[in-house]
Amino acid sequence: MKYKVHRIDVRANNMQEKLEQFLNDLEGEVVSILPNVRPTFQLMGATAKIDYILVVEKKET
């Protein structure tokens, strides 16, 4: 059993479309989807931002 980790660079306005397109093109099985959540501080207070998403794919050998 082999696994491959893919990185998808996203923004708040295109995250859903990029993830959906990527998942539809995968040949293997999705094991996990991990967002990289980074805390940010703005005038309105603390918030979080997602820079990229990691997708773990299980490859069939």
N, C-alpha and C. Protein backbone atom coordinates (compact mmCIF):
# COMPACT_ATOMS: atom_id res chain seq x y z
N MET A 1 0.83 -1.16 0.00
CA MET A 1 0.00 0.00 0.00
C MET A 1 0.89 1.24 0.00
N LYS A 2 0.65 2.16 -0.92
CA LYS A 2 1.42 3.39 -1.01
C LYS A 2 0.48 4.57 -0.87
N TYR A 3 1.04 5.65 -0.31
CA TYR A 3 0.27 6.88 -0.13
C TYR A 3 0.99 8.02 -0.81
N LYS A 4 0.22 8.99 -1.27
CA LYS A 4 0.78 10.20 -1.85
C LYS A 4 0.08 11.39 -1.23
N VAL A 5 0.85 12.42 -0.89
CA VAL A 5 0.29 13.64 -0.30
C VAL A 5 0.36 14.75 -1.34
N HIS A 6 -0.78 15.36 -1.61
CA HIS A 6 -0.87 16.45 -2.58
C HIS A 6 -1.11 17.75 -1.84
N ARG A 7 -0.53 18.84 -2.33
CA ARG A 7 -0.73 20.17 -1.75
C ARG A 7 -1.50 21.01 -2.75
N ILE A 8 -2.60 21.62 -2.27
CA ILE A 8 -3.42 22.48 -3.11
C ILE A 8 -3.39 23.88 -2.49
N ASP A 9 -2.82 24.85 -3.20
CA ASP A 9 -2.81 26.23 -2.73
C ASP A 9 -4.18 26.84 -3.00
N VAL A 10 -4.78 27.40 -1.96
CA VAL A 10 -6.15 27.93 -2.08
C VAL A 10 -6.25 29.32 -1.46
N ARG A 11 -7.34 29.98 -1.79
CA ARG A 11 -7.74 31.24 -1.17
C ARG A 11 -9.18 31.06 -0.71
N ALA A 12 -9.66 31.98 0.07
CA ALA A 12 -11.02 31.86 0.61
C ALA A 12 -12.07 31.86 -0.50
N ASN A 13 -11.82 32.57 -1.59
CA ASN A 13 -12.85 32.68 -2.63
C ASN A 13 -12.83 31.53 -3.65
N ASN A 14 -11.77 30.68 -3.67
CA ASN A 14 -11.74 29.61 -4.66
C ASN A 14 -11.49 28.23 -4.06
N MET A 15 -11.58 28.12 -2.75
CA MET A 15 -11.24 26.87 -2.06
C MET A 15 -12.14 25.71 -2.48
N GLN A 16 -13.42 25.93 -2.50
CA GLN A 16 -14.36 24.85 -2.80
C GLN A 16 -14.20 24.35 -4.23
N GLU A 17 -14.07 25.26 -5.18
CA GLU A 17 -13.95 24.85 -6.58
C GLU A 17 -12.65 24.09 -6.83
N LYS A 18 -11.53 24.57 -6.25
CA LYS A 18 -10.25 23.89 -6.46
C LYS A 18 -10.25 22.49 -5.84
N LEU A 19 -10.81 22.36 -4.64
CA LEU A 19 -10.86 21.06 -3.98
C LEU A 19 -11.77 20.10 -4.75
N GLU A 20 -12.92 20.57 -5.18
CA GLU A 20 -13.85 19.73 -5.93
C GLU A 20 -13.23 19.25 -7.23
N GLN A 21 -12.58 20.13 -7.96
CA GLN A 21 -11.94 19.75 -9.22
C GLN A 21 -10.82 18.74 -8.98
N PHE A 22 -10.03 18.96 -7.95
CA PHE A 22 -8.93 18.05 -7.64
C PHE A 22 -9.44 16.66 -7.28
N LEU A 23 -10.46 16.60 -6.42
CA LEU A 23 -11.00 15.31 -5.98
C LEU A 23 -11.62 14.53 -7.14
N ASN A 24 -12.24 15.22 -8.06
CA ASN A 24 -12.84 14.54 -9.22
C ASN A 24 -11.80 13.96 -10.16
N ASP A 25 -10.57 14.50 -10.14
CA ASP A 25 -9.51 14.00 -11.02
C ASP A 25 -8.65 12.91 -10.38
N LEU A 26 -8.84 12.64 -9.10
CA LEU A 26 -8.03 11.63 -8.42
C LEU A 26 -8.37 10.22 -8.90
N GLU A 27 -7.36 9.38 -8.94
CA GLU A 27 -7.58 7.98 -9.33
C GLU A 27 -7.66 7.07 -8.12
N GLY A 28 -6.97 7.43 -7.04
CA GLY A 28 -6.95 6.61 -5.83
C GLY A 28 -8.06 6.99 -4.86
N GLU A 29 -7.93 6.49 -3.64
CA GLU A 29 -8.92 6.72 -2.59
C GLU A 29 -8.42 7.81 -1.65
N VAL A 30 -9.30 8.75 -1.29
CA VAL A 30 -8.93 9.83 -0.38
C VAL A 30 -8.94 9.30 1.05
N VAL A 31 -7.82 9.47 1.75
CA VAL A 31 -7.70 9.03 3.13
C VAL A 31 -8.02 10.17 4.08
N SER A 32 -7.49 11.36 3.77
CA SER A 32 -7.67 12.50 4.66
C SER A 32 -7.48 13.81 3.91
N ILE A 33 -8.15 14.86 4.40
CA ILE A 33 -7.97 16.22 3.88
C ILE A 33 -7.62 17.09 5.07
N LEU A 34 -6.44 17.73 5.01
CA LEU A 34 -5.93 18.50 6.14
C LEU A 34 -5.70 19.95 5.72
N PRO A 35 -6.44 20.89 6.29
CA PRO A 35 -6.18 22.30 5.99
C PRO A 35 -5.03 22.84 6.84
N ASN A 36 -4.22 23.71 6.28
CA ASN A 36 -3.18 24.39 7.05
C ASN A 36 -3.78 25.69 7.57
N VAL A 37 -4.18 25.69 8.84
CA VAL A 37 -4.84 26.84 9.45
C VAL A 37 -3.79 27.68 10.18
N ARG A 38 -3.73 28.95 9.78
CA ARG A 38 -2.74 29.86 10.35
C ARG A 38 -3.47 30.99 11.06
N PRO A 39 -3.17 31.22 12.35
CA PRO A 39 -3.83 32.34 13.05
C PRO A 39 -3.32 33.68 12.53
N THR A 40 -4.22 34.63 12.40
CA THR A 40 -3.86 35.98 11.99
C THR A 40 -4.54 36.97 12.92
N PHE A 41 -3.94 38.13 13.05
CA PHE A 41 -4.50 39.17 13.90
C PHE A 41 -4.78 40.40 13.04
N GLN A 42 -6.04 40.84 13.06
CA GLN A 42 -6.45 42.00 12.28
C GLN A 42 -7.10 43.01 13.20
N LEU A 43 -7.53 44.11 12.65
CA LEU A 43 -8.16 45.16 13.45
C LEU A 43 -9.40 44.67 14.20
N MET A 44 -10.13 43.75 13.60
CA MET A 44 -11.34 43.23 14.24
C MET A 44 -11.05 42.17 15.29
N GLY A 45 -9.80 41.75 15.41
CA GLY A 45 -9.43 40.74 16.39
C GLY A 45 -8.74 39.56 15.75
N ALA A 46 -8.63 38.49 16.50
CA ALA A 46 -7.96 37.29 16.02
C ALA A 46 -8.88 36.51 15.09
N THR A 47 -8.30 35.97 14.05
CA THR A 47 -9.03 35.15 13.09
C THR A 47 -8.07 34.09 12.54
N ALA A 48 -8.50 33.31 11.60
CA ALA A 48 -7.66 32.26 11.02
C ALA A 48 -7.73 32.33 9.50
N LYS A 49 -6.68 31.82 8.87
CA LYS A 49 -6.61 31.82 7.41
C LYS A 49 -6.07 30.47 6.95
N ILE A 50 -6.61 29.97 5.85
CA ILE A 50 -6.14 28.71 5.28
C ILE A 50 -5.34 29.04 4.03
N ASP A 51 -4.05 28.66 4.03
CA ASP A 51 -3.18 28.92 2.89
C ASP A 51 -3.20 27.78 1.88
N TYR A 52 -3.22 26.57 2.39
CA TYR A 52 -3.21 25.41 1.49
C TYR A 52 -3.89 24.23 2.18
N ILE A 53 -4.22 23.24 1.36
CA ILE A 53 -4.88 22.02 1.84
C ILE A 53 -4.00 20.84 1.42
N LEU A 54 -3.79 19.91 2.35
CA LEU A 54 -3.09 18.67 2.03
C LEU A 54 -4.12 17.55 1.85
N VAL A 55 -4.00 16.80 0.76
CA VAL A 55 -4.90 15.68 0.50
C VAL A 55 -4.05 14.42 0.47
N VAL A 56 -4.40 13.46 1.34
CA VAL A 56 -3.67 12.19 1.40
C VAL A 56 -4.45 11.18 0.54
N GLU A 57 -3.74 10.63 -0.45
CA GLU A 57 -4.35 9.69 -1.38
C GLU A 57 -3.72 8.32 -1.21
N LYS A 58 -4.57 7.29 -1.16
CA LYS A 58 -4.10 5.91 -1.07
C LYS A 58 -4.03 5.36 -2.49
N LYS A 59 -2.81 5.03 -2.92
CA LYS A 59 -2.60 4.52 -4.28
C LYS A 59 -2.74 3.01 -4.29
N GLU A 60 -3.35 2.51 -5.34
CA GLU A 60 -3.47 1.07 -5.51
C GLU A 60 -2.25 0.56 -6.25
N THR A 61 -1.62 -0.45 -5.70
CA THR A 61 -0.40 -0.98 -6.32
C THR A 61 -0.68 -2.15 -7.22
